[in-house]
Amino acid sequence: MKIIMLGAPGAGKGTQAKQIAAKYNIPHISTGDIFRANIKNGTELGKKAKEYMDQGLLVPDELTCDLVMDRIAQDDAKNGFVLDGFPRTIPQAEALTAALTKIGQSMDFAIDVDVPDENIIGRMSGRRACLKCGATYHIVSIPPKQEGICDTCGSELVLRDDDQPDTVKKRLDVYHAQTQPLIEYYSKQGILKSVSGTQPMETVFANIVEILGE
């Protein structure tokens, strides 16, 4: 079962991807993890990616697609995989389709976790993070026991720059311009399924399992 997760930043697609991977015993593949693993292991592809990243440049679509194809060729992905964070643009989606076609494969599902912008801004601006141990909270849904203090290590919690309402709005603008067109792309391929991400996480997951089948 080969699945692509779609959705705006903060829609909860990463959380759902992890749960899908655990239930169906397939790897959860995120481009960030792939980049880090290849760079750490000093692979040829990793060295190429690092050259771009060190200059603060985006890794080109073709190289990103090569890294993803290299990852899905590994043994643990032979029964399928969940892609999270790739493709992000139409050129990346086209590169992925072409690369899979070459090996006689295609994606089975593209699942869009749909959440309105105002909900996402509310969600992300309510996040609080501990910079010391990495624990994350939400002032409404997962509040710390003591306001502003990390339960785990007692350090102060902060609103990260990434979660500031203005920053979230900019990230959403980029999403609508670059990534949202993928919804139409995969709809035309006949593999798009949409779930409402405004429901509780367990309900969203139950809806996804209904789509994928037991």
C-alpha atoms as a PDB file:
ATOM      1  CA  MET A   1       0.000   0.000   0.000  1.00  0.00           C
ATOM      2  CA  LYS A   2       1.642   3.200  -1.214  1.00  0.00           C
ATOM      3  CA  ILE A   3       0.262   6.362   0.339  1.00  0.00           C
ATOM      4  CA  ILE A   4       0.970  10.097   0.040  1.00  0.00           C
ATOM      5  CA  MET A   5      -0.157  12.381   2.865  1.00  0.00           C
ATOM      6  CA  LEU A   6      -1.339  15.850   1.847  1.00  0.00           C
ATOM      7  CA  GLY A   7      -2.436  18.776   3.984  1.00  0.00           C
ATOM      8  CA  ALA A   8      -1.374  22.203   5.155  1.00  0.00           C
ATOM      9  CA  PRO A   9       1.364  22.666   7.785  1.00  0.00           C
ATOM     10  CA  GLY A  10      -0.282  22.014  11.145  1.00  0.00           C
ATOM     11  CA  ALA A  11      -3.106  19.891   9.681  1.00  0.00           C
ATOM     12  CA  GLY A  12      -1.810  16.847  11.582  1.00  0.00           C
ATOM     13  CA  LYS A  13      -0.763  14.766   8.571  1.00  0.00           C
ATOM     14  CA  GLY A  14       2.560  13.763  10.194  1.00  0.00           C
ATOM     15  CA  THR A  15       0.771  12.334  13.238  1.00  0.00           C
ATOM     16  CA  GLN A  16      -1.630  10.408  10.996  1.00  0.00           C
ATOM     17  CA  ALA A  17       1.240   9.157   8.794  1.00  0.00           C
ATOM     18  CA  LYS A  18       2.980   7.662  11.856  1.00  0.00           C
ATOM     19  CA  GLN A  19      -0.211   5.895  12.954  1.00  0.00           C
ATOM     20  CA  ILE A  20      -0.829   4.516   9.443  1.00  0.00           C
ATOM     21  CA  ALA A  21       2.765   3.247   9.306  1.00  0.00           C
ATOM     22  CA  ALA A  22       2.371   1.505  12.682  1.00  0.00           C
ATOM     23  CA  LYS A  23      -1.008  -0.089  11.852  1.00  0.00           C
ATOM     24  CA  TYR A  24      -0.047  -1.391   8.403  1.00  0.00           C
ATOM     25  CA  ASN A  25       3.586  -2.160   9.270  1.00  0.00           C
ATOM     26  CA  ILE A  26       5.014   0.002   6.491  1.00  0.00           C
ATOM     27  CA  PRO A  27       7.693   2.716   6.834  1.00  0.00           C
ATOM     28  CA  HIS A  28       6.790   6.361   7.466  1.00  0.00           C
ATOM     29  CA  ILE A  29       9.035   8.239   5.049  1.00  0.00           C
ATOM     30  CA  SER A  30       9.644  11.963   5.509  1.00  0.00           C
ATOM     31  CA  THR A  31      12.079  13.858   3.316  1.00  0.00           C
ATOM     32  CA  GLY A  32      13.651  15.516   6.366  1.00  0.00           C
ATOM     33  CA  ASP A  33      14.504  12.096   7.816  1.00  0.00           C
ATOM     34  CA  ILE A  34      15.877  10.893   4.463  1.00  0.00           C
ATOM     35  CA  PHE A  35      18.127  13.957   4.106  1.00  0.00           C
ATOM     36  CA  ARG A  36      19.438  13.551   7.658  1.00  0.00           C
ATOM     37  CA  ALA A  37      20.073   9.791   7.268  1.00  0.00           C
ATOM     38  CA  ASN A  38      21.909  10.162   3.940  1.00  0.00           C
ATOM     39  CA  ILE A  39      24.023  13.068   5.181  1.00  0.00           C
ATOM     40  CA  LYS A  40      24.859  11.211   8.409  1.00  0.00           C
ATOM     41  CA  ASN A  41      25.823   8.061   6.467  1.00  0.00           C
ATOM     42  CA  GLY A  42      27.862  10.073   3.955  1.00  0.00           C
ATOM     43  CA  THR A  43      26.105   8.579   0.914  1.00  0.00           C
ATOM     44  CA  GLU A  44      26.696  10.011  -2.557  1.00  0.00           C
ATOM     45  CA  LEU A  45      23.164  11.415  -2.650  1.00  0.00           C
ATOM     46  CA  GLY A  46      23.582  12.761   0.893  1.00  0.00           C
ATOM     47  CA  LYS A  47      26.779  14.616  -0.057  1.00  0.00           C
ATOM     48  CA  LYS A  48      24.997  16.215  -3.010  1.00  0.00           C
ATOM     49  CA  ALA A  49      22.037  17.254  -0.828  1.00  0.00           C
ATOM     50  CA  LYS A  50      24.380  18.683   1.829  1.00  0.00           C
ATOM     51  CA  GLU A  51      26.067  20.942  -0.744  1.00  0.00           C
ATOM     52  CA  TYR A  52      22.733  22.660  -1.408  1.00  0.00           C
ATOM     53  CA  MET A  53      21.638  22.740   2.234  1.00  0.00           C
ATOM     54  CA  ASP A  54      24.956  24.230   3.390  1.00  0.00           C
ATOM     55  CA  GLN A  55      24.352  27.126   1.013  1.00  0.00           C
ATOM     56  CA  GLY A  56      20.827  27.602   2.358  1.00  0.00           C
ATOM     57  CA  LEU A  57      19.387  26.414  -0.974  1.00  0.00           C
ATOM     58  CA  LEU A  58      16.496  24.046  -1.552  1.00  0.00           C
ATOM     59  CA  VAL A  59      17.529  20.569  -2.662  1.00  0.00           C
ATOM     60  CA  PRO A  60      16.517  20.300  -6.360  1.00  0.00           C
ATOM     61  CA  ASP A  61      13.396  18.265  -7.192  1.00  0.00           C
ATOM     62  CA  GLU A  62      15.296  15.644  -9.177  1.00  0.00           C
ATOM     63  CA  LEU A  63      17.757  14.962  -6.338  1.00  0.00           C
ATOM     64  CA  THR A  64      14.955  14.877  -3.744  1.00  0.00           C
ATOM     65  CA  CYS A  65      13.072  12.396  -5.913  1.00  0.00           C
ATOM     66  CA  ASP A  66      16.248  10.252  -6.279  1.00  0.00           C
ATOM     67  CA  LEU A  67      16.607  10.186  -2.478  1.00  0.00           C
ATOM     68  CA  VAL A  68      12.959   9.150  -2.054  1.00  0.00           C
ATOM     69  CA  MET A  69      13.242   6.419  -4.724  1.00  0.00           C
ATOM     70  CA  ASP A  70      16.431   5.147  -3.064  1.00  0.00           C
ATOM     71  CA  ARG A  71      14.552   4.932   0.261  1.00  0.00           C
ATOM     72  CA  ILE A  72      11.507   3.124  -1.121  1.00  0.00           C
ATOM     73  CA  ALA A  73      13.763   0.563  -2.805  1.00  0.00           C
ATOM     74  CA  GLN A  74      14.783  -0.715   0.649  1.00  0.00           C
ATOM     75  CA  ASP A  75      13.442  -4.017   1.962  1.00  0.00           C
ATOM     76  CA  ASP A  76      11.162  -2.574   4.640  1.00  0.00           C
ATOM     77  CA  ALA A  77       9.183  -0.703   1.937  1.00  0.00           C
ATOM     78  CA  LYS A  78       8.438  -3.725  -0.233  1.00  0.00           C
ATOM     79  CA  ASN A  79       4.830  -3.911   1.064  1.00  0.00           C
ATOM     80  CA  GLY A  80       4.312  -0.164   0.778  1.00  0.00           C
ATOM     81  CA  PHE A  81       5.126   3.114   2.524  1.00  0.00           C
ATOM     82  CA  VAL A  82       3.655   6.434   3.661  1.00  0.00           C
ATOM     83  CA  LEU A  83       5.191   9.570   2.144  1.00  0.00           C
ATOM     84  CA  ASP A  84       5.022  12.641   4.387  1.00  0.00           C
ATOM     85  CA  GLY A  85       6.290  16.012   3.119  1.00  0.00           C
ATOM     86  CA  PHE A  86       6.933  14.839  -0.439  1.00  0.00           C
ATOM     87  CA  PRO A  87       5.906  15.698  -3.073  1.00  0.00           C
ATOM     88  CA  ARG A  88       5.391  19.384  -2.231  1.00  0.00           C
ATOM     89  CA  THR A  89       5.030  20.745  -5.767  1.00  0.00           C
ATOM     90  CA  ILE A  90       3.637  19.636  -9.130  1.00  0.00           C
ATOM     91  CA  PRO A  91       7.157  19.155 -10.635  1.00  0.00           C
ATOM     92  CA  GLN A  92       8.048  16.874  -7.678  1.00  0.00           C
ATOM     93  CA  ALA A  93       4.792  14.929  -8.148  1.00  0.00           C
ATOM     94  CA  GLU A  94       5.498  14.513 -11.856  1.00  0.00           C
ATOM     95  CA  ALA A  95       9.071  13.365 -11.120  1.00  0.00           C
ATOM     96  CA  LEU A  96       7.742  10.813  -8.608  1.00  0.00           C
ATOM     97  CA  THR A  97       5.080   9.514 -11.014  1.00  0.00           C
ATOM     98  CA  ALA A  98       7.698   9.131 -13.776  1.00  0.00           C
ATOM     99  CA  ALA A  99      10.198   7.373 -11.459  1.00  0.00           C
ATOM    100  CA  LEU A 100       7.545   4.933 -10.190  1.00  0.00           C
ATOM    101  CA  THR A 101       6.249   4.255 -13.719  1.00  0.00           C
ATOM    102  CA  LYS A 102       9.804   3.289 -14.732  1.00  0.00           C
ATOM    103  CA  ILE A 103       9.767   0.468 -12.174  1.00  0.00           C
ATOM    104  CA  GLY A 104       6.171  -0.517 -12.979  1.00  0.00           C
ATOM    105  CA  GLN A 105       4.658   0.984  -9.820  1.00  0.00           C
ATOM    106  CA  SER A 106       2.198   3.733  -8.922  1.00  0.00           C
ATOM    107  CA  MET A 107       0.779   5.328  -5.782  1.00  0.00           C
ATOM    108  CA  ASP A 108      -2.419   3.817  -4.347  1.00  0.00           C
ATOM    109  CA  PHE A 109      -3.780   6.692  -2.267  1.00  0.00           C
ATOM    110  CA  ALA A 110      -3.246  10.432  -1.772  1.00  0.00           C
ATOM    111  CA  ILE A 111      -4.941  11.377   1.487  1.00  0.00           C
ATOM    112  CA  ASP A 112      -5.696  15.049   2.074  1.00  0.00           C
ATOM    113  CA  VAL A 113      -6.138  16.011   5.733  1.00  0.00           C
ATOM    114  CA  ASP A 114      -8.313  19.076   5.212  1.00  0.00           C
ATOM    115  CA  VAL A 115      -8.258  21.832   7.865  1.00  0.00           C
ATOM    116  CA  PRO A 116      -9.372  25.473   7.312  1.00  0.00           C
ATOM    117  CA  ASP A 117      -6.636  28.122   7.652  1.00  0.00           C
ATOM    118  CA  GLU A 118      -8.198  29.794  10.710  1.00  0.00           C
ATOM    119  CA  ASN A 119      -8.175  26.461  12.607  1.00  0.00           C
ATOM    120  CA  ILE A 120      -4.509  25.927  11.732  1.00  0.00           C
ATOM    121  CA  ILE A 121      -3.514  29.432  12.867  1.00  0.00           C
ATOM    122  CA  GLY A 122      -5.357  28.813  16.163  1.00  0.00           C
ATOM    123  CA  ARG A 123      -3.754  25.398  16.585  1.00  0.00           C
ATOM    124  CA  MET A 124      -0.184  26.446  15.863  1.00  0.00           C
ATOM    125  CA  SER A 125      -0.219  29.707  17.783  1.00  0.00           C
ATOM    126  CA  GLY A 126      -1.367  27.690  20.811  1.00  0.00           C
ATOM    127  CA  ARG A 127       1.686  25.416  20.639  1.00  0.00           C
ATOM    128  CA  ARG A 128       4.391  25.742  23.276  1.00  0.00           C
ATOM    129  CA  ALA A 129       7.772  24.037  23.126  1.00  0.00           C
ATOM    130  CA  CYS A 130      10.556  23.246  25.562  1.00  0.00           C
ATOM    131  CA  LEU A 131      13.810  24.185  23.878  1.00  0.00           C
ATOM    132  CA  LYS A 132      15.782  22.119  26.393  1.00  0.00           C
ATOM    133  CA  CYS A 133      14.204  18.647  26.066  1.00  0.00           C
ATOM    134  CA  GLY A 134      12.066  19.080  22.949  1.00  0.00           C
ATOM    135  CA  ALA A 135       8.690  18.324  24.588  1.00  0.00           C
ATOM    136  CA  THR A 136       5.710  20.072  22.976  1.00  0.00           C
ATOM    137  CA  TYR A 137       2.389  21.198  24.437  1.00  0.00           C
ATOM    138  CA  HIS A 138      -0.745  23.055  23.430  1.00  0.00           C
ATOM    139  CA  ILE A 139      -2.352  25.609  25.728  1.00  0.00           C
ATOM    140  CA  VAL A 140      -5.839  24.158  24.991  1.00  0.00           C
ATOM    141  CA  SER A 141      -5.494  20.488  24.013  1.00  0.00           C
ATOM    142  CA  ILE A 142      -2.271  19.383  25.801  1.00  0.00           C
ATOM    143  CA  PRO A 143      -1.521  22.012  28.461  1.00  0.00           C
ATOM    144  CA  PRO A 144       1.450  21.572  30.828  1.00  0.00           C
ATOM    145  CA  LYS A 145       0.615  20.913  34.504  1.00  0.00           C
ATOM    146  CA  GLN A 146       2.049  24.315  35.401  1.00  0.00           C
ATOM    147  CA  GLU A 147       1.474  27.151  32.946  1.00  0.00           C
ATOM    148  CA  GLY A 148       4.603  27.991  30.943  1.00  0.00           C
ATOM    149  CA  ILE A 149       6.721  25.222  32.538  1.00  0.00           C
ATOM    150  CA  CYS A 150       7.752  21.896  30.961  1.00  0.00           C
ATOM    151  CA  ASP A 151       6.380  18.827  32.806  1.00  0.00           C
ATOM    152  CA  THR A 152       9.436  16.779  31.831  1.00  0.00           C
ATOM    153  CA  CYS A 153      12.401  18.955  32.753  1.00  0.00           C
ATOM    154  CA  GLY A 154      10.990  22.083  34.418  1.00  0.00           C
ATOM    155  CA  SER A 155      12.342  24.512  31.798  1.00  0.00           C
ATOM    156  CA  GLU A 156      10.421  27.477  30.457  1.00  0.00           C
ATOM    157  CA  LEU A 157       8.078  26.858  27.478  1.00  0.00           C
ATOM    158  CA  VAL A 158       8.167  29.192  24.483  1.00  0.00           C
ATOM    159  CA  LEU A 159       6.111  29.993  21.393  1.00  0.00           C
ATOM    160  CA  ARG A 160       8.521  29.134  18.586  1.00  0.00           C
ATOM    161  CA  ASP A 161       9.046  31.607  15.761  1.00  0.00           C
ATOM    162  CA  ASP A 162       7.634  28.983  13.385  1.00  0.00           C
ATOM    163  CA  ASP A 163       4.357  29.007  15.311  1.00  0.00           C
ATOM    164  CA  GLN A 164       3.873  32.789  15.464  1.00  0.00           C
ATOM    165  CA  PRO A 165       0.566  33.704  13.730  1.00  0.00           C
ATOM    166  CA  ASP A 166       2.320  35.848  11.069  1.00  0.00           C
ATOM    167  CA  THR A 167       4.803  33.074  10.258  1.00  0.00           C
ATOM    168  CA  VAL A 168       2.015  30.468  10.106  1.00  0.00           C
ATOM    169  CA  LYS A 169       0.058  32.729   7.721  1.00  0.00           C
ATOM    170  CA  LYS A 170       3.118  32.992   5.430  1.00  0.00           C
ATOM    171  CA  ARG A 171       3.617  29.216   5.501  1.00  0.00           C
ATOM    172  CA  LEU A 172      -0.044  28.730   4.580  1.00  0.00           C
ATOM    173  CA  ASP A 173       0.298  31.178   1.672  1.00  0.00           C
ATOM    174  CA  VAL A 174       3.246  29.108   0.362  1.00  0.00           C
ATOM    175  CA  TYR A 175       1.209  25.916   0.841  1.00  0.00           C
ATOM    176  CA  HIS A 176      -1.764  27.290  -1.135  1.00  0.00           C
ATOM    177  CA  ALA A 177       0.484  28.482  -3.962  1.00  0.00           C
ATOM    178  CA  GLN A 178       2.778  25.440  -4.260  1.00  0.00           C
ATOM    179  CA  THR A 179       1.285  22.366  -2.607  1.00  0.00           C
ATOM    180  CA  GLN A 180      -2.491  22.719  -2.847  1.00  0.00           C
ATOM    181  CA  PRO A 181      -2.403  22.142  -6.662  1.00  0.00           C
ATOM    182  CA  LEU A 182      -1.382  18.536  -5.813  1.00  0.00           C
ATOM    183  CA  ILE A 183      -4.974  17.940  -4.672  1.00  0.00           C
ATOM    184  CA  GLU A 184      -6.199  18.440  -8.238  1.00  0.00           C
ATOM    185  CA  TYR A 185      -3.217  16.503  -9.644  1.00  0.00           C
ATOM    186  CA  TYR A 186      -3.993  13.373  -7.600  1.00  0.00           C
ATOM    187  CA  SER A 187      -7.736  13.838  -8.044  1.00  0.00           C
ATOM    188  CA  LYS A 188      -7.184  13.541 -11.817  1.00  0.00           C
ATOM    189  CA  GLN A 189      -5.209  10.342 -11.180  1.00  0.00           C
ATOM    190  CA  GLY A 190      -8.241   9.004  -9.331  1.00  0.00           C
ATOM    191  CA  ILE A 191      -6.409   8.285  -6.051  1.00  0.00           C
ATOM    192  CA  LEU A 192      -7.332  11.350  -3.943  1.00  0.00           C
ATOM    193  CA  LYS A 193      -9.292  10.841  -0.729  1.00  0.00           C
ATOM    194  CA  SER A 194     -10.124  13.669   1.649  1.00  0.00           C
ATOM    195  CA  VAL A 195     -10.783  13.577   5.408  1.00  0.00           C
ATOM    196  CA  SER A 196     -11.736  16.441   7.686  1.00  0.00           C
ATOM    197  CA  GLY A 197      -8.826  17.184  10.010  1.00  0.00           C
ATOM    198  CA  THR A 198     -10.932  19.334  12.365  1.00  0.00           C
ATOM    199  CA  GLN A 199     -12.204  16.220  14.175  1.00  0.00           C
ATOM    200  CA  PRO A 200     -10.413  14.534  17.107  1.00  0.00           C
ATOM    201  CA  MET A 201      -7.210  12.742  16.031  1.00  0.00           C
ATOM    202  CA  GLU A 202      -8.689   9.280  16.719  1.00  0.00           C
ATOM    203  CA  THR A 203     -11.708  10.068  14.483  1.00  0.00           C
ATOM    204  CA  VAL A 204      -9.468  11.312  11.661  1.00  0.00           C
ATOM    205  CA  PHE A 205      -7.445   8.097  11.909  1.00  0.00           C
ATOM    206  CA  ALA A 206     -10.610   5.937  11.950  1.00  0.00           C
ATOM    207  CA  ASN A 207     -11.792   7.731   8.775  1.00  0.00           C
ATOM    208  CA  ILE A 208      -8.424   7.081   7.090  1.00  0.00           C
ATOM    209  CA  VAL A 209      -8.511   3.369   8.049  1.00  0.00           C
ATOM    210  CA  GLU A 210     -12.011   3.180   6.534  1.00  0.00           C
ATOM    211  CA  ILE A 211     -10.583   4.509   3.259  1.00  0.00           C
ATOM    212  CA  LEU A 212      -7.535   2.221   3.263  1.00  0.00           C
ATOM    213  CA  GLY A 213      -9.356  -0.904   4.438  1.00  0.00           C
ATOM    214  CA  GLU A 214      -8.362  -3.211   7.273  1.00  0.00           C
END
